[in-house]
């Protein structure tokens, strides 16, 4: 949520939306985690075509020993090789 708050202006300018669901409680250096998410969200906004409103989804799945975090967006994507 810190990352989303920091990018509120950029999201509002592009009518962007970030949906966050089922996230675990994270311990440790919160600023570092926020920085990672902020960079990922920022890239999602940056690489979304101008004729589209950015839509970003952040979800997590509990796999007992670890969490799997998935971030998806409607940007241009990365070409598969």
PDB file of N, CA and C in Angstrom:
ATOM      1  N   UNK A   1       0.816  -1.200   0.000  1.00  0.00           N
ATOM      2  CA  UNK A   1       0.000   0.000   0.000  1.00  0.00           C
ATOM      3  C   UNK A   1       0.858   1.263   0.000  1.00  0.00           C
ATOM      4  N   UNK A   2       2.071   1.192   0.594  1.00  0.00           N
ATOM      5  CA  UNK A   2       2.961   2.361   0.565  1.00  0.00           C
ATOM      6  C   UNK A   2       3.318   2.711  -0.871  1.00  0.00           C
ATOM      7  N   UNK A   3       3.632   1.706  -1.662  1.00  0.00           N
ATOM      8  CA  UNK A   3       4.008   1.942  -3.056  1.00  0.00           C
ATOM      9  C   UNK A   3       2.842   2.557  -3.823  1.00  0.00           C
ATOM     10  N   UNK A   4       1.657   2.054  -3.600  1.00  0.00           N
ATOM     11  CA  UNK A   4       0.475   2.582  -4.291  1.00  0.00           C
ATOM     12  C   UNK A   4       0.238   4.038  -3.895  1.00  0.00           C
ATOM     13  N   UNK A   5       0.412   4.346  -2.623  1.00  0.00           N
ATOM     14  CA  UNK A   5       0.237   5.732  -2.164  1.00  0.00           C
ATOM     15  C   UNK A   5       1.271   6.651  -2.793  1.00  0.00           C
ATOM     16  N   UNK A   6       2.520   6.181  -2.887  1.00  0.00           N
ATOM     17  CA  UNK A   6       3.583   6.994  -3.477  1.00  0.00           C
ATOM     18  C   UNK A   6       3.349   7.265  -4.958  1.00  0.00           C
ATOM     19  N   UNK A   7       2.632   6.377  -5.628  1.00  0.00           N
ATOM     20  CA  UNK A   7       2.373   6.524  -7.067  1.00  0.00           C
ATOM     21  C   UNK A   7       0.956   7.009  -7.367  1.00  0.00           C
ATOM     22  N   UNK A   8       0.254   7.476  -6.346  1.00  0.00           N
ATOM     23  CA  UNK A   8      -1.143   7.899  -6.503  1.00  0.00           C
ATOM     24  C   UNK A   8      -1.300   8.927  -7.620  1.00  0.00           C
ATOM     25  N   UNK A   9      -0.436   9.921  -7.699  1.00  0.00           N
ATOM     26  CA  UNK A   9      -0.566  10.961  -8.719  1.00  0.00           C
ATOM     27  C   UNK A   9      -0.427  10.370 -10.129  1.00  0.00           C
ATOM     28  N   UNK A  10       0.581   9.534 -10.339  1.00  0.00           N
ATOM     29  CA  UNK A  10       0.788   8.914 -11.657  1.00  0.00           C
ATOM     30  C   UNK A  10      -0.401   8.029 -12.015  1.00  0.00           C
ATOM     31  N   UNK A  11      -0.927   7.308 -11.048  1.00  0.00           N
ATOM     32  CA  UNK A  11      -2.096   6.459 -11.306  1.00  0.00           C
ATOM     33  C   UNK A  11      -3.316   7.311 -11.644  1.00  0.00           C
ATOM     34  N   UNK A  12      -3.531   8.376 -10.897  1.00  0.00           N
ATOM     35  CA  UNK A  12      -4.677   9.250 -11.154  1.00  0.00           C
ATOM     36  C   UNK A  12      -4.596   9.904 -12.527  1.00  0.00           C
ATOM     37  N   UNK A  13      -3.391  10.334 -12.924  1.00  0.00           N
ATOM     38  CA  UNK A  13      -3.217  10.980 -14.228  1.00  0.00           C
ATOM     39  C   UNK A  13      -3.577  10.060 -15.384  1.00  0.00           C
ATOM     40  N   UNK A  14      -3.356   8.763 -15.203  1.00  0.00           N
ATOM     41  CA  UNK A  14      -3.633   7.788 -16.272  1.00  0.00           C
ATOM     42  C   UNK A  14      -4.910   6.998 -16.007  1.00  0.00           C
ATOM     43  N   UNK A  15      -5.656   7.385 -14.973  1.00  0.00           N
ATOM     44  CA  UNK A  15      -6.858   6.662 -14.567  1.00  0.00           C
ATOM     45  C   UNK A  15      -6.516   5.191 -14.285  1.00  0.00           C
ATOM     46  N   UNK A  16      -5.361   4.986 -13.647  1.00  0.00           N
ATOM     47  CA  UNK A  16      -4.870   3.644 -13.353  1.00  0.00           C
ATOM     48  C   UNK A  16      -5.470   3.050 -12.097  1.00  0.00           C
ATOM     49  N   UNK A  17      -5.342   1.738 -12.002  1.00  0.00           N
ATOM     50  CA  UNK A  17      -5.904   1.016 -10.863  1.00  0.00           C
ATOM     51  C   UNK A  17      -4.945  -0.098 -10.448  1.00  0.00           C
ATOM     52  N   UNK A  18      -4.748  -0.230  -9.136  1.00  0.00           N
ATOM     53  CA  UNK A  18      -3.950  -1.317  -8.578  1.00  0.00           C
ATOM     54  C   UNK A  18      -4.849  -2.092  -7.624  1.00  0.00           C
ATOM     55  N   UNK A  19      -5.028  -3.369  -7.910  1.00  0.00           N
ATOM     56  CA  UNK A  19      -5.802  -4.245  -7.027  1.00  0.00           C
ATOM     57  C   UNK A  19      -4.828  -5.145  -6.285  1.00  0.00           C
ATOM     58  N   UNK A  20      -4.967  -5.187  -4.978  1.00  0.00           N
ATOM     59  CA  UNK A  20      -4.097  -6.009  -4.142  1.00  0.00           C
ATOM     60  C   UNK A  20      -4.970  -6.971  -3.357  1.00  0.00           C
ATOM     61  N   UNK A  21      -4.617  -8.264  -3.407  1.00  0.00           N
ATOM     62  CA  UNK A  21      -5.423  -9.235  -2.666  1.00  0.00           C
ATOM     63  C   UNK A  21      -4.548 -10.302  -2.023  1.00  0.00           C
ATOM     64  N   UNK A  22      -4.979 -10.734  -0.873  1.00  0.00           N
ATOM     65  CA  UNK A  22      -4.408 -11.894  -0.192  1.00  0.00           C
ATOM     66  C   UNK A  22      -2.905 -11.800   0.054  1.00  0.00           C
ATOM     67  N   UNK A  23      -2.423 -10.629   0.461  1.00  0.00           N
ATOM     68  CA  UNK A  23      -0.989 -10.466   0.705  1.00  0.00           C
ATOM     69  C   UNK A  23      -0.628 -10.929   2.122  1.00  0.00           C
ATOM     70  N   UNK A  24       0.544 -11.544   2.262  1.00  0.00           N
ATOM     71  CA  UNK A  24       0.986 -11.965   3.589  1.00  0.00           C
ATOM     72  C   UNK A  24       1.483 -10.768   4.396  1.00  0.00           C
ATOM     73  N   UNK A  25       1.568 -10.949   5.691  1.00  0.00           N
ATOM     74  CA  UNK A  25       2.188  -9.930   6.542  1.00  0.00           C
ATOM     75  C   UNK A  25       3.691 -10.058   6.353  1.00  0.00           C
ATOM     76  N   UNK A  26       4.326  -8.987   5.949  1.00  0.00           N
ATOM     77  CA  UNK A  26       5.754  -9.008   5.653  1.00  0.00           C
ATOM     78  C   UNK A  26       6.514  -8.404   6.821  1.00  0.00           C
ATOM     79  N   UNK A  27       7.557  -9.106   7.245  1.00  0.00           N
ATOM     80  CA  UNK A  27       8.433  -8.570   8.277  1.00  0.00           C
ATOM     81  C   UNK A  27       9.783  -8.271   7.640  1.00  0.00           C
ATOM     82  N   UNK A  28      10.537  -7.435   8.277  1.00  0.00           N
ATOM     83  CA  UNK A  28      11.840  -7.082   7.726  1.00  0.00           C
ATOM     84  C   UNK A  28      11.860  -5.618   7.348  1.00  0.00           C
ATOM     85  N   UNK A  29      12.689  -5.267   6.405  1.00  0.00           N
ATOM     86  CA  UNK A  29      12.859  -3.891   5.977  1.00  0.00           C
ATOM     87  C   UNK A  29      11.719  -3.501   5.035  1.00  0.00           C
ATOM     88  N   UNK A  30      10.705  -2.886   5.589  1.00  0.00           N
ATOM     89  CA  UNK A  30       9.503  -2.527   4.831  1.00  0.00           C
ATOM     90  C   UNK A  30       9.848  -1.569   3.684  1.00  0.00           C
ATOM     91  N   UNK A  31      10.792  -0.674   3.900  1.00  0.00           N
ATOM     92  CA  UNK A  31      11.166   0.287   2.852  1.00  0.00           C
ATOM     93  C   UNK A  31      11.698  -0.433   1.614  1.00  0.00           C
ATOM     94  N   UNK A  32      12.447  -1.497   1.804  1.00  0.00           N
ATOM     95  CA  UNK A  32      12.975  -2.244   0.647  1.00  0.00           C
ATOM     96  C   UNK A  32      11.853  -2.937  -0.120  1.00  0.00           C
ATOM     97  N   UNK A  33      10.933  -3.561   0.610  1.00  0.00           N
ATOM     98  CA  UNK A  33       9.800  -4.214  -0.059  1.00  0.00           C
ATOM     99  C   UNK A  33       8.951  -3.186  -0.790  1.00  0.00           C
ATOM    100  N   UNK A  34       8.702  -2.049  -0.141  1.00  0.00           N
ATOM    101  CA  UNK A  34       7.915  -0.992  -0.779  1.00  0.00           C
ATOM    102  C   UNK A  34       8.602  -0.501  -2.049  1.00  0.00           C
ATOM    103  N   UNK A  35       9.923  -0.393  -2.008  1.00  0.00           N
ATOM    104  CA  UNK A  35      10.682   0.048  -3.178  1.00  0.00           C
ATOM    105  C   UNK A  35      10.532  -0.926  -4.343  1.00  0.00           C
ATOM    106  N   UNK A  36      10.584  -2.214  -4.044  1.00  0.00           N
ATOM    107  CA  UNK A  36      10.414  -3.231  -5.089  1.00  0.00           C
ATOM    108  C   UNK A  36       9.044  -3.096  -5.738  1.00  0.00           C
ATOM    109  N   UNK A  37       7.996  -3.053  -4.917  1.00  0.00           N
ATOM    110  CA  UNK A  37       6.644  -2.939  -5.456  1.00  0.00           C
ATOM    111  C   UNK A  37       6.446  -1.611  -6.176  1.00  0.00           C
ATOM    112  N   UNK A  38       7.018  -0.545  -5.647  1.00  0.00           N
ATOM    113  CA  UNK A  38       6.886   0.756  -6.300  1.00  0.00           C
ATOM    114  C   UNK A  38       7.527   0.734  -7.682  1.00  0.00           C
ATOM    115  N   UNK A  39       8.696   0.120  -7.802  1.00  0.00           N
ATOM    116  CA  UNK A  39       9.356   0.024  -9.113  1.00  0.00           C
ATOM    117  C   UNK A  39       8.532  -0.812 -10.087  1.00  0.00           C
ATOM    118  N   UNK A  40       7.975  -1.916  -9.623  1.00  0.00           N
ATOM    119  CA  UNK A  40       7.162  -2.759 -10.503  1.00  0.00           C
ATOM    120  C   UNK A  40       5.889  -2.041 -10.958  1.00  0.00           C
ATOM    121  N   UNK A  41       5.227  -1.354 -10.031  1.00  0.00           N
ATOM    122  CA  UNK A  41       4.012  -0.616 -10.388  1.00  0.00           C
ATOM    123  C   UNK A  41       4.356   0.540 -11.326  1.00  0.00           C
ATOM    124  N   UNK A  42       5.447   1.235 -11.039  1.00  0.00           N
ATOM    125  CA  UNK A  42       5.883   2.346 -11.881  1.00  0.00           C
ATOM    126  C   UNK A  42       6.156   1.881 -13.309  1.00  0.00           C
ATOM    127  N   UNK A  43       6.822   0.740 -13.451  1.00  0.00           N
ATOM    128  CA  UNK A  43       7.078   0.190 -14.789  1.00  0.00           C
ATOM    129  C   UNK A  43       5.780  -0.201 -15.479  1.00  0.00           C
ATOM    130  N   UNK A  44       4.836  -0.722 -14.725  1.00  0.00           N
ATOM    131  CA  UNK A  44       3.537  -1.072 -15.309  1.00  0.00           C
ATOM    132  C   UNK A  44       2.839   0.160 -15.865  1.00  0.00           C
ATOM    133  N   UNK A  45       2.931   1.266 -15.151  1.00  0.00           N
ATOM    134  CA  UNK A  45       2.330   2.513 -15.627  1.00  0.00           C
ATOM    135  C   UNK A  45       3.094   3.017 -16.856  1.00  0.00           C
ATOM    136  N   UNK A  46       4.406   3.038 -16.760  1.00  0.00           N
ATOM    137  CA  UNK A  46       5.269   3.564 -17.823  1.00  0.00           C
ATOM    138  C   UNK A  46       5.105   2.813 -19.138  1.00  0.00           C
ATOM    139  N   UNK A  47       4.974   1.493 -19.073  1.00  0.00           N
ATOM    140  CA  UNK A  47       4.932   0.680 -20.284  1.00  0.00           C
ATOM    141  C   UNK A  47       3.517   0.274 -20.697  1.00  0.00           C
ATOM    142  N   UNK A  48       2.540   0.967 -20.173  1.00  0.00           N
ATOM    143  CA  UNK A  48       1.160   0.759 -20.622  1.00  0.00           C
ATOM    144  C   UNK A  48       0.899   1.766 -21.748  1.00  0.00           C
ATOM    145  N   UNK A  49       0.388   1.308 -22.883  1.00  0.00           N
ATOM    146  CA  UNK A  49       0.115   2.234 -23.991  1.00  0.00           C
ATOM    147  C   UNK A  49      -0.739   3.428 -23.533  1.00  0.00           C
ATOM    148  N   UNK A  50      -0.479   4.585 -24.116  1.00  0.00           N
ATOM    149  CA  UNK A  50      -1.163   5.813 -23.719  1.00  0.00           C
ATOM    150  C   UNK A  50      -2.676   5.774 -23.938  1.00  0.00           C
ATOM    151  N   UNK A  51      -3.138   4.920 -24.838  1.00  0.00           N
ATOM    152  CA  UNK A  51      -4.580   4.836 -25.092  1.00  0.00           C
ATOM    153  C   UNK A  51      -5.289   3.882 -24.132  1.00  0.00           C
ATOM    154  N   UNK A  52      -4.574   3.369 -23.130  1.00  0.00           N
ATOM    155  CA  UNK A  52      -5.107   2.433 -22.147  1.00  0.00           C
ATOM    156  C   UNK A  52      -4.885   2.963 -20.745  1.00  0.00           C
ATOM    157  N   UNK A  53      -5.805   2.681 -19.844  1.00  0.00           N
ATOM    158  CA  UNK A  53      -5.602   2.973 -18.426  1.00  0.00           C
ATOM    159  C   UNK A  53      -4.896   1.777 -17.800  1.00  0.00           C
ATOM    160  N   UNK A  54      -3.806   2.016 -17.073  1.00  0.00           N
ATOM    161  CA  UNK A  54      -3.080   0.898 -16.461  1.00  0.00           C
ATOM    162  C   UNK A  54      -3.938   0.131 -15.458  1.00  0.00           C
ATOM    163  N   UNK A  55      -3.899  -1.174 -15.566  1.00  0.00           N
ATOM    164  CA  UNK A  55      -4.589  -2.076 -14.641  1.00  0.00           C
ATOM    165  C   UNK A  55      -3.544  -3.046 -14.105  1.00  0.00           C
ATOM    166  N   UNK A  56      -3.294  -2.978 -12.813  1.00  0.00           N
ATOM    167  CA  UNK A  56      -2.255  -3.780 -12.187  1.00  0.00           C
ATOM    168  C   UNK A  56      -2.891  -4.620 -11.087  1.00  0.00           C
ATOM    169  N   UNK A  57      -2.533  -5.878 -11.052  1.00  0.00           N
ATOM    170  CA  UNK A  57      -3.067  -6.801 -10.051  1.00  0.00           C
ATOM    171  C   UNK A  57      -1.903  -7.444  -9.303  1.00  0.00           C
ATOM    172  N   UNK A  58      -1.982  -7.439  -7.973  1.00  0.00           N
ATOM    173  CA  UNK A  58      -0.964  -8.060  -7.136  1.00  0.00           C
ATOM    174  C   UNK A  58      -1.665  -9.079  -6.254  1.00  0.00           C
ATOM    175  N   UNK A  59      -1.265 -10.333  -6.405  1.00  0.00           N
ATOM    176  CA  UNK A  59      -1.884 -11.426  -5.650  1.00  0.00           C
ATOM    177  C   UNK A  59      -0.800 -12.296  -5.039  1.00  0.00           C
ATOM    178  N   UNK A  60      -1.141 -12.981  -3.973  1.00  0.00           N
ATOM    179  CA  UNK A  60      -0.192 -13.897  -3.341  1.00  0.00           C
ATOM    180  C   UNK A  60      -0.894 -15.209  -3.018  1.00  0.00           C
ATOM    181  N   UNK A  61      -0.139 -16.296  -3.156  1.00  0.00           N
ATOM    182  CA  UNK A  61      -0.634 -17.631  -2.820  1.00  0.00           C
ATOM    183  C   UNK A  61       0.262 -18.222  -1.747  1.00  0.00           C
ATOM    184  N   UNK A  62      -0.358 -18.767  -0.715  1.00  0.00           N
ATOM    185  CA  UNK A  62       0.367 -19.400   0.378  1.00  0.00           C
ATOM    186  C   UNK A  62       0.713 -20.829  -0.012  1.00  0.00           C
ATOM    187  N   UNK A  63       1.994 -21.149  -0.039  1.00  0.00           N
ATOM    188  CA  UNK A  63       2.471 -22.498  -0.349  1.00  0.00           C
ATOM    189  C   UNK A  63       3.170 -23.102   0.869  1.00  0.00           C
ATOM    190  N   UNK A  64       2.593 -22.889   2.039  1.00  0.00           N
ATOM    191  CA  UNK A  64       3.087 -23.385   3.326  1.00  0.00           C
ATOM    192  C   UNK A  64       4.476 -22.865   3.674  1.00  0.00           C
ATOM    193  N   UNK A  65       5.506 -23.309   2.981  1.00  0.00           N
ATOM    194  CA  UNK A  65       6.871 -22.906   3.313  1.00  0.00           C
ATOM    195  C   UNK A  65       7.248 -21.550   2.704  1.00  0.00           C
ATOM    196  N   UNK A  66       6.463 -21.078   1.729  1.00  0.00           N
ATOM    197  CA  UNK A  66       6.765 -19.803   1.083  1.00  0.00           C
ATOM    198  C   UNK A  66       5.499 -19.233   0.447  1.00  0.00           C
ATOM    199  N   UNK A  67       5.586 -18.003   0.041  1.00  0.00           N
ATOM    200  CA  UNK A  67       4.491 -17.344  -0.672  1.00  0.00           C
ATOM    201  C   UNK A  67       4.916 -17.118  -2.120  1.00  0.00           C
ATOM    202  N   UNK A  68       3.967 -17.284  -3.026  1.00  0.00           N
ATOM    203  CA  UNK A  68       4.183 -17.002  -4.446  1.00  0.00           C
ATOM    204  C   UNK A  68       3.418 -15.706  -4.730  1.00  0.00           C
ATOM    205  N   UNK A  69       4.154 -14.656  -5.112  1.00  0.00           N
ATOM    206  CA  UNK A  69       3.533 -13.365  -5.400  1.00  0.00           C
ATOM    207  C   UNK A  69       3.516 -13.158  -6.908  1.00  0.00           C
ATOM    208  N   UNK A  70       2.331 -12.825  -7.422  1.00  0.00           N
ATOM    209  CA  UNK A  70       2.143 -12.641  -8.870  1.00  0.00           C
ATOM    210  C   UNK A  70       1.689 -11.202  -9.121  1.00  0.00           C
ATOM    211  N   UNK A  71       2.382 -10.542 -10.037  1.00  0.00           N
ATOM    212  CA  UNK A  71       2.013  -9.195 -10.434  1.00  0.00           C
ATOM    213  C   UNK A  71       1.722  -9.223 -11.928  1.00  0.00           C
ATOM    214  N   UNK A  72       0.533  -8.815 -12.297  1.00  0.00           N
ATOM    215  CA  UNK A  72       0.149  -8.787 -13.705  1.00  0.00           C
ATOM    216  C   UNK A  72      -0.332  -7.375 -14.058  1.00  0.00           C
ATOM    217  N   UNK A  73      -0.204  -7.040 -15.330  1.00  0.00           N
ATOM    218  CA  UNK A  73      -0.701  -5.751 -15.788  1.00  0.00           C
ATOM    219  C   UNK A  73      -1.146  -5.865 -17.249  1.00  0.00           C
ATOM    220  N   UNK A  74      -1.690  -4.788 -17.759  1.00  0.00           N
ATOM    221  CA  UNK A  74      -2.172  -4.768 -19.136  1.00  0.00           C
ATOM    222  C   UNK A  74      -1.247  -3.944 -20.034  1.00  0.00           C
ATOM    223  N   UNK A  75       0.038  -3.950 -19.699  1.00  0.00           N
ATOM    224  CA  UNK A  75       1.038  -3.217 -20.470  1.00  0.00           C
ATOM    225  C   UNK A  75       1.462  -3.964 -21.717  1.00  0.00           C
ATOM    226  N   UNK A  76       2.575  -3.501 -22.284  1.00  0.00           N
ATOM    227  CA  UNK A  76       3.040  -4.068 -23.565  1.00  0.00           C
ATOM    228  C   UNK A  76       3.656  -5.447 -23.414  1.00  0.00           C
ATOM    229  N   UNK A  77       4.079  -5.805 -22.205  1.00  0.00           N
ATOM    230  CA  UNK A  77       4.625  -7.140 -21.983  1.00  0.00           C
ATOM    231  C   UNK A  77       6.067  -7.260 -22.447  1.00  0.00           C
ATOM    232  N   UNK A  78       6.569  -8.452 -22.267  1.00  0.00           N
ATOM    233  CA  UNK A  78       7.939  -8.788 -22.654  1.00  0.00           C
ATOM    234  C   UNK A  78       7.856  -9.912 -23.680  1.00  0.00           C
ATOM    235  N   UNK A  79       8.478  -9.713 -24.814  1.00  0.00           N
ATOM    236  CA  UNK A  79       8.444 -10.709 -25.864  1.00  0.00           C
ATOM    237  C   UNK A  79       9.115 -12.003 -25.386  1.00  0.00           C
ATOM    238  N   UNK A  80       8.434 -13.127 -25.593  1.00  0.00           N
ATOM    239  CA  UNK A  80       8.993 -14.408 -25.205  1.00  0.00           C
ATOM    240  C   UNK A  80       9.995 -14.867 -26.251  1.00  0.00           C
ATOM    241  N   UNK A  81      11.065 -15.476 -25.777  1.00  0.00           N
ATOM    242  CA  UNK A  81      12.085 -15.989 -26.706  1.00  0.00           C
ATOM    243  C   UNK A  81      12.170 -17.481 -26.622  1.00  0.00           C
TER     244      UNK A  81
END
